[in-house]
Amino acid sequence: MKFKVGDKVKFLNEKGGGIVSKIISNSMVNVASDGFELPVMVNELLLVTNRSAAERFFDEQKEGSPLVYHAASEDKTPAEPKQNRPYNIPIGIYIGFVPLDQRLLIAGDVELFLVNNTEFDIIYALFLKDKEGFLGNDYGSIPPYSKANIQFTDREQSEYYCNGVLQVLYFSDFVDKIINPVSHEYKFKTVKLLKEDNYTENMVFDKRAFLHKICEPPVITEKDSREETQPKIPEAQLKRDSLIQKHKIDDGTAEVDLHIEALCEEYLSLGKHERLQIQLDYFTRCLENAISENYERVIFIHGVGAGILKLELSKILEQYPFLEYFDASIAKYGIGATEVLIHKEK
């Protein structure tokens, strides 16, 4: 690998790193580290980000250029423009190793790419596994069915890209459901880079290259979506015996407290979405039970809060044409309760 003065580097065989301060020869450079200049062999160094993310961000904003991140090298080829059709490889995100000299597939310098063979724009961050943790190597964005150059390196240093973590944020102009950011750890044996048969021709590079799939985009099926909107509440989380009879305060009248602490003993360990689903499940069962047992009036105490629970209750009540609902007595309940009247003509 060729370094230049000012490059930020990390020592491969020991802790720490520094800045290249002088080029001694093709195989050795001086590295300024902790106030000292040390002569170091090139093959014992790994290039890392030359400038901080903040510096690149403000430089790009100042120049008015689109915010596209590429951290490992300033000489990298930008991600290619968005195309309309996938490559002739399975859908997914790959790391690609392309020998510069196609006559010497397992020797010489190598270009490394990330290949986005999905329908999504992606924003990514690439980390390489280090003895003490993970080394931030590159980040950026890649359009659908495109590739981006992430590094130009020699054969020895390319082996460090066999073990790492890729974090991905998927983006599209329209999605039925938001896809959460994901983190994929990948690893393959470096010996794979030393077998010529692993370098195959493909339309991604129009030359022989070794491709390793890191991950596939998450697929949200209709079943997945339905299960997430209506999660199953474990029996241990919900007091299943707390039905309408327990809340009876008069003939034909009941009062149900929907505060989460009244419904679930382990509520502190639950997230907001889980708490809401428990409350809605309990509300629905009490309402159905009151209707089947010919109750005339039920007061549901939901509290004030952000108003989300009250809104969701209204959506459910609107589905019953024979119900009438309104704010319960302010003098008795404040503004945190809804009274439901159940008419006989159903």
Protein backbone atom coordinates (compact mmCIF):
# COMPACT_ATOMS: atom_id res chain seq x y z
CA MET A 1 0.00 0.00 0.00
CA LYS A 2 1.24 3.48 -0.82
CA PHE A 3 0.96 6.06 1.96
CA LYS A 4 1.35 9.81 1.76
CA VAL A 5 2.32 12.41 4.34
CA GLY A 6 -0.66 13.21 6.54
CA ASP A 7 -2.30 9.78 6.32
CA LYS A 8 -3.71 8.50 9.61
CA VAL A 9 -2.55 4.95 10.27
CA LYS A 10 -2.89 2.21 12.86
CA PHE A 11 -0.19 -0.24 13.93
CA LEU A 12 -1.16 -3.80 13.04
CA ASN A 13 1.04 -5.67 15.49
CA GLU A 14 0.78 -3.41 18.52
CA LYS A 15 -1.54 -0.92 20.16
CA GLY A 16 -1.84 2.63 18.87
CA GLY A 17 -1.17 4.52 15.67
CA GLY A 18 -0.30 7.96 14.38
CA ILE A 19 0.21 10.21 11.35
CA VAL A 20 2.60 9.57 8.46
CA SER A 21 5.18 12.36 8.73
CA LYS A 22 7.77 11.29 6.14
CA ILE A 23 8.13 8.81 3.28
CA ILE A 24 11.47 7.05 3.73
CA SER A 25 11.08 4.52 0.92
CA ASN A 26 8.46 2.41 -0.81
CA SER A 27 8.58 -0.01 2.11
CA MET A 28 9.12 2.30 5.10
CA VAL A 29 7.66 5.56 6.46
CA ASN A 30 8.02 7.69 9.56
CA VAL A 31 4.97 7.75 11.83
CA ALA A 32 4.46 10.57 14.34
CA SER A 33 2.96 9.06 17.49
CA ASP A 34 2.74 10.56 21.00
CA GLY A 35 5.34 13.22 20.19
CA PHE A 36 7.85 10.80 18.66
CA GLU A 37 8.67 9.86 15.06
CA LEU A 38 9.09 6.15 14.47
CA PRO A 39 10.29 4.37 11.31
CA VAL A 40 7.71 1.68 10.49
CA MET A 41 7.46 -0.86 7.69
CA VAL A 42 4.52 -0.17 5.37
CA ASN A 43 3.22 -3.71 5.71
CA GLU A 44 2.82 -3.16 9.46
CA LEU A 45 0.41 -0.25 9.02
CA LEU A 46 -3.27 0.03 8.19
CA LEU A 47 -4.73 3.19 6.67
CA VAL A 48 -7.62 4.67 8.61
CA THR A 49 -9.67 7.83 8.19
CA ASN A 50 -7.50 10.78 7.21
CA ARG A 51 -9.93 13.36 8.59
CA SER A 52 -12.62 13.31 11.23
CA ALA A 53 -16.24 12.81 10.26
CA ALA A 54 -17.02 16.37 11.39
CA GLU A 55 -14.31 17.84 9.17
CA ARG A 56 -15.59 15.97 6.11
CA PHE A 57 -19.18 16.89 6.92
CA PHE A 58 -18.51 20.64 7.09
CA ASP A 59 -16.23 20.56 4.06
CA GLU A 60 -18.97 18.90 2.01
CA GLN A 61 -21.59 21.34 3.28
CA LYS A 62 -19.35 24.30 2.53
CA GLU A 63 -18.81 23.12 -1.02
CA GLY A 64 -22.54 22.50 -1.45
CA SER A 65 -22.01 18.92 -2.52
CA PRO A 66 -24.43 16.09 -1.65
CA LEU A 67 -23.83 14.48 1.72
CA VAL A 68 -22.18 11.21 0.65
CA TYR A 69 -19.82 9.62 3.14
CA HIS A 70 -16.64 7.79 2.15
CA ALA A 71 -14.11 7.65 4.91
CA ALA A 72 -11.25 5.29 4.18
CA SER A 73 -9.59 7.09 1.29
CA GLU A 74 -9.97 10.46 -0.39
CA ASP A 75 -8.99 8.89 -3.73
CA LYS A 76 -11.87 6.43 -3.73
CA THR A 77 -14.20 6.19 -6.68
CA PRO A 78 -17.65 7.52 -5.71
CA ALA A 79 -20.61 5.16 -5.69
CA GLU A 80 -21.88 4.65 -9.20
CA PRO A 81 -25.26 6.09 -10.26
CA LYS A 82 -28.46 4.25 -9.47
CA GLN A 83 -29.38 1.61 -12.06
CA ASN A 84 -32.64 -0.16 -12.71
CA ARG A 85 -31.73 -3.84 -12.69
CA PRO A 86 -29.95 -6.14 -10.23
CA TYR A 87 -26.61 -7.79 -10.86
CA ASN A 88 -26.46 -11.47 -11.88
CA ILE A 89 -25.78 -12.55 -8.29
CA PRO A 90 -28.22 -13.31 -5.45
CA ILE A 91 -29.82 -10.32 -3.74
CA GLY A 92 -27.76 -8.99 -0.86
CA ILE A 93 -24.85 -6.80 0.20
CA TYR A 94 -21.36 -8.04 -0.62
CA ILE A 95 -17.74 -7.20 -0.05
CA GLY A 96 -15.74 -7.66 -3.26
CA PHE A 97 -12.01 -8.23 -3.82
CA VAL A 98 -10.84 -7.33 -7.34
CA PRO A 99 -7.19 -8.11 -8.23
CA LEU A 100 -5.63 -5.21 -10.08
CA ASP A 101 -3.64 -7.58 -12.26
CA GLN A 102 -6.10 -10.13 -13.61
CA ARG A 103 -3.21 -12.40 -14.61
CA LEU A 104 -2.12 -12.70 -10.95
CA LEU A 105 -5.35 -13.30 -9.07
CA ILE A 106 -3.76 -14.26 -5.77
CA ALA A 107 -0.90 -11.75 -5.77
CA GLY A 108 -0.43 -8.02 -6.10
CA ASP A 109 -2.66 -5.09 -5.20
CA VAL A 110 -6.40 -5.40 -4.69
CA GLU A 111 -9.36 -3.05 -5.00
CA LEU A 112 -12.08 -3.57 -2.41
CA PHE A 113 -15.74 -2.75 -3.00
CA LEU A 114 -19.06 -2.88 -1.23
CA VAL A 115 -21.80 -4.08 -3.57
CA ASN A 116 -25.42 -3.14 -2.90
CA ASN A 117 -27.45 -5.65 -4.90
CA THR A 118 -30.79 -4.66 -3.28
CA GLU A 119 -33.69 -2.41 -4.19
CA PHE A 120 -32.81 -0.01 -1.36
CA ASP A 121 -30.46 2.92 -1.06
CA ILE A 122 -28.20 2.09 1.85
CA ILE A 123 -26.15 4.11 4.31
CA TYR A 124 -23.41 1.96 5.76
CA ALA A 125 -20.60 1.90 8.32
CA LEU A 126 -17.83 -0.69 8.03
CA PHE A 127 -15.73 -1.82 11.00
CA LEU A 128 -12.81 -4.25 10.87
CA LYS A 129 -12.12 -6.70 13.70
CA ASP A 130 -9.07 -5.75 15.71
CA LYS A 131 -7.30 -7.55 18.54
CA GLU A 132 -8.77 -5.09 21.03
CA GLY A 133 -12.14 -4.41 19.41
CA PHE A 134 -13.29 -2.94 16.11
CA LEU A 135 -11.57 -0.38 13.92
CA GLY A 136 -13.81 2.09 12.08
CA ASN A 137 -12.77 1.74 8.44
CA ASP A 138 -15.32 3.32 6.12
CA TYR A 139 -18.82 4.72 5.85
CA GLY A 140 -20.94 6.10 3.04
CA SER A 141 -24.02 5.57 0.90
CA ILE A 142 -24.66 3.33 -2.10
CA PRO A 143 -27.67 3.47 -4.48
CA PRO A 144 -29.63 0.32 -5.33
CA TYR A 145 -27.87 -2.24 -7.55
CA SER A 146 -24.59 -0.32 -7.39
CA LYS A 147 -21.12 -0.61 -5.91
CA ALA A 148 -18.69 1.70 -4.13
CA ASN A 149 -14.91 1.48 -3.89
CA ILE A 150 -13.88 1.41 -0.23
CA GLN A 151 -10.13 0.75 -0.40
CA PHE A 152 -7.09 0.15 -2.60
CA THR A 153 -4.60 -2.04 -0.80
CA ASP A 154 -1.89 -4.63 -1.14
CA ARG A 155 -2.54 -8.35 -0.85
CA GLU A 156 -1.33 -8.67 2.74
CA GLN A 157 -3.52 -5.88 4.10
CA SER A 158 -6.59 -7.08 2.22
CA GLU A 159 -6.77 -10.00 4.67
CA TYR A 160 -7.92 -7.62 7.41
CA TYR A 161 -11.20 -7.18 5.48
CA CYS A 162 -12.10 -10.83 6.01
CA ASN A 163 -13.45 -10.16 9.50
CA GLY A 164 -15.65 -7.20 10.37
CA VAL A 165 -19.05 -5.70 11.04
CA LEU A 166 -21.27 -3.87 8.56
CA GLN A 167 -24.02 -1.61 9.89
CA VAL A 168 -26.75 -0.74 7.38
CA LEU A 169 -29.63 1.72 7.19
CA TYR A 170 -32.07 0.90 4.37
CA PHE A 171 -33.86 3.73 2.53
CA SER A 172 -36.50 3.89 -0.18
CA ASP A 173 -38.79 6.62 -1.52
CA PHE A 174 -41.75 4.62 -0.21
CA VAL A 175 -42.01 1.64 2.15
CA ASP A 176 -45.04 -0.03 3.72
CA LYS A 177 -43.13 -0.38 6.96
CA ILE A 178 -40.02 1.24 8.40
CA ILE A 179 -37.00 -1.08 8.36
CA ASN A 180 -34.86 -0.80 11.47
CA PRO A 181 -31.10 -0.26 11.08
CA VAL A 182 -29.21 -3.54 11.26
CA SER A 183 -25.72 -4.68 12.20
CA HIS A 184 -24.16 -7.73 10.52
CA GLU A 185 -20.95 -9.39 11.68
CA TYR A 186 -19.16 -11.34 8.96
CA LYS A 187 -16.06 -13.53 8.84
CA PHE A 188 -14.48 -15.88 6.34
CA LYS A 189 -11.14 -17.67 6.17
CA THR A 190 -8.33 -15.69 4.53
CA VAL A 191 -7.31 -18.84 2.66
CA LYS A 192 -10.28 -18.20 0.35
CA LEU A 193 -8.38 -15.24 -1.07
CA LEU A 194 -5.56 -17.57 -2.05
CA LYS A 195 -7.60 -19.87 -4.31
CA GLU A 196 -7.91 -18.74 -7.92
CA ASP A 197 -11.14 -20.70 -8.39
CA ASN A 198 -12.85 -18.35 -5.91
CA TYR A 199 -12.34 -15.44 -8.31
CA THR A 200 -15.18 -15.58 -10.81
CA GLU A 201 -16.36 -13.38 -13.66
CA ASN A 202 -19.57 -11.43 -13.07
CA MET A 203 -21.41 -8.40 -14.41
CA VAL A 204 -20.64 -6.43 -11.22
CA PHE A 205 -17.04 -5.79 -12.26
CA ASP A 206 -16.78 -7.32 -15.76
CA LYS A 207 -13.64 -9.04 -14.51
CA ARG A 208 -12.74 -11.83 -12.13
CA ALA A 209 -13.34 -11.05 -8.47
CA PHE A 210 -13.99 -12.74 -5.14
CA LEU A 211 -17.39 -11.84 -3.70
CA HIS A 212 -18.53 -12.59 -0.15
CA LYS A 213 -22.15 -11.93 0.82
CA ILE A 214 -22.37 -10.09 4.13
CA CYS A 215 -26.13 -9.91 4.50
CA GLU A 216 -29.52 -9.86 2.82
CA PRO A 217 -32.12 -7.11 3.20
CA PRO A 218 -34.81 -7.90 5.77
CA VAL A 219 -38.03 -9.20 4.24
CA ILE A 220 -41.24 -8.21 6.01
CA THR A 221 -44.00 -10.63 5.13
CA GLU A 222 -47.71 -10.05 5.63
CA LYS A 223 -47.60 -12.48 8.54
CA ASP A 224 -44.69 -10.63 10.17
CA SER A 225 -46.53 -7.32 9.91
CA ARG A 226 -49.73 -8.74 11.37
CA GLU A 227 -47.91 -10.34 14.28
CA GLU A 228 -46.10 -7.12 15.12
CA THR A 229 -49.27 -5.02 15.16
CA GLN A 230 -51.04 -7.61 17.32
CA PRO A 231 -48.35 -9.18 19.49
CA LYS A 232 -49.16 -12.12 21.72
CA ILE A 233 -49.09 -11.16 25.38
CA PRO A 234 -47.54 -13.87 27.60
CA GLU A 235 -49.84 -15.26 30.27
CA ALA A 236 -47.41 -14.24 32.99
CA GLN A 237 -47.63 -10.60 31.95
CA LEU A 238 -51.39 -10.32 32.04
CA LYS A 239 -53.84 -11.04 34.81
CA ARG A 240 -56.20 -13.21 32.80
CA ASP A 241 -58.78 -13.55 35.60
CA SER A 242 -59.36 -9.76 35.82
CA LEU A 243 -62.60 -9.58 33.82
CA ILE A 244 -65.67 -7.37 34.11
CA GLN A 245 -67.13 -9.02 37.21
CA LYS A 246 -64.17 -7.91 39.24
CA HIS A 247 -64.89 -4.28 38.31
CA LYS A 248 -68.65 -4.29 39.01
CA ILE A 249 -69.64 -1.31 41.21
CA ASP A 250 -73.44 -1.48 40.79
CA ASP A 251 -76.06 -3.42 38.87
CA GLY A 252 -75.21 -3.10 35.19
CA THR A 253 -72.26 -0.78 35.93
CA ALA A 254 -68.52 -1.40 36.10
CA GLU A 255 -65.41 0.70 36.57
CA VAL A 256 -62.16 -0.52 34.96
CA ASP A 257 -58.75 0.89 35.81
CA LEU A 258 -56.49 0.63 32.74
CA HIS A 259 -53.33 1.97 34.37
CA ILE A 260 -50.56 -0.49 33.51
CA GLU A 261 -49.58 -1.07 37.16
CA ALA A 262 -53.10 -2.37 37.82
CA LEU A 263 -52.84 -4.91 34.99
CA CYS A 264 -49.30 -6.23 35.00
CA GLU A 265 -46.91 -6.87 37.88
CA GLU A 266 -43.79 -6.77 35.69
CA TYR A 267 -44.69 -3.56 33.86
CA LEU A 268 -41.36 -1.86 34.67
CA SER A 269 -39.55 -4.32 32.39
CA LEU A 270 -41.86 -3.61 29.42
CA GLY A 271 -41.46 -1.10 26.62
CA LYS A 272 -44.08 1.52 25.77
CA HIS A 273 -45.47 -0.52 22.88
CA GLU A 274 -45.84 -3.65 25.00
CA ARG A 275 -47.57 -1.69 27.78
CA LEU A 276 -50.03 -0.19 25.32
CA GLN A 277 -50.85 -3.59 23.84
CA ILE A 278 -51.55 -5.03 27.29
CA GLN A 279 -53.87 -2.14 28.09
CA LEU A 280 -55.73 -2.45 24.78
CA ASP A 281 -56.05 -6.21 25.14
CA TYR A 282 -57.47 -5.86 28.64
CA PHE A 283 -59.84 -3.08 27.53
CA THR A 284 -61.18 -5.17 24.64
CA ARG A 285 -61.79 -8.25 26.80
CA CYS A 286 -63.58 -6.22 29.47
CA LEU A 287 -65.70 -4.46 26.85
CA GLU A 288 -66.68 -7.73 25.14
CA ASN A 289 -67.41 -9.31 28.51
CA ALA A 290 -69.60 -6.36 29.54
CA ILE A 291 -71.57 -6.60 26.29
CA SER A 292 -72.09 -10.35 26.61
CA GLU A 293 -73.25 -10.01 30.24
CA ASN A 294 -75.68 -7.17 29.42
CA TYR A 295 -73.94 -4.38 31.31
CA GLU A 296 -75.36 -0.93 30.66
CA ARG A 297 -72.44 1.30 31.57
CA VAL A 298 -68.68 0.92 31.95
CA ILE A 299 -66.21 3.62 32.97
CA PHE A 300 -62.67 3.07 31.72
CA ILE A 301 -60.01 5.02 33.66
CA HIS A 302 -57.08 5.59 31.33
CA GLY A 303 -55.39 8.67 32.78
CA VAL A 304 -54.20 11.73 30.89
CA GLY A 305 -50.62 11.11 29.79
CA ALA A 306 -49.90 11.86 26.13
CA GLY A 307 -53.44 10.89 25.10
CA ILE A 308 -52.33 7.88 23.05
CA LEU A 309 -54.29 5.29 25.05
CA LYS A 310 -57.48 7.38 24.92
CA LEU A 311 -57.10 7.76 21.15
CA GLU A 312 -56.65 4.01 20.65
CA LEU A 313 -59.70 3.28 22.82
CA SER A 314 -61.77 5.61 20.64
CA LYS A 315 -60.69 3.76 17.51
CA ILE A 316 -61.91 0.47 19.00
CA LEU A 317 -65.18 1.92 20.31
CA GLU A 318 -66.00 3.37 16.89
CA GLN A 319 -66.28 -0.18 15.56
CA TYR A 320 -69.37 -0.85 17.73
CA PRO A 321 -72.46 0.97 16.31
CA PHE A 322 -74.56 0.24 19.43
CA LEU A 323 -72.11 1.94 21.83
CA GLU A 324 -72.10 5.53 22.97
CA TYR A 325 -69.01 6.98 24.65
CA PHE A 326 -67.92 10.32 26.07
CA ASP A 327 -65.75 11.81 28.81
CA ALA A 328 -66.74 10.52 32.23
CA SER A 329 -67.65 12.83 35.13
CA ILE A 330 -64.86 15.39 35.54
CA ALA A 331 -65.87 15.96 39.16
CA LYS A 332 -65.26 12.29 39.96
CA TYR A 333 -62.56 11.19 37.50
CA GLY A 334 -60.95 14.38 36.25
CA ILE A 335 -60.22 14.29 32.52
CA GLY A 336 -58.69 10.83 32.50
CA ALA A 337 -61.72 8.54 32.04
CA THR A 338 -64.14 7.52 29.30
CA GLU A 339 -67.72 6.40 29.96
CA VAL A 340 -69.26 3.82 27.63
CA LEU A 341 -73.03 3.25 27.34
CA ILE A 342 -74.13 -0.12 25.96
CA HIS A 343 -77.52 0.08 24.25
CA LYS A 344 -79.81 -2.94 24.15
CA GLU A 345 -80.53 -2.71 20.41
CA LYS A 346 -77.48 -4.47 19.04
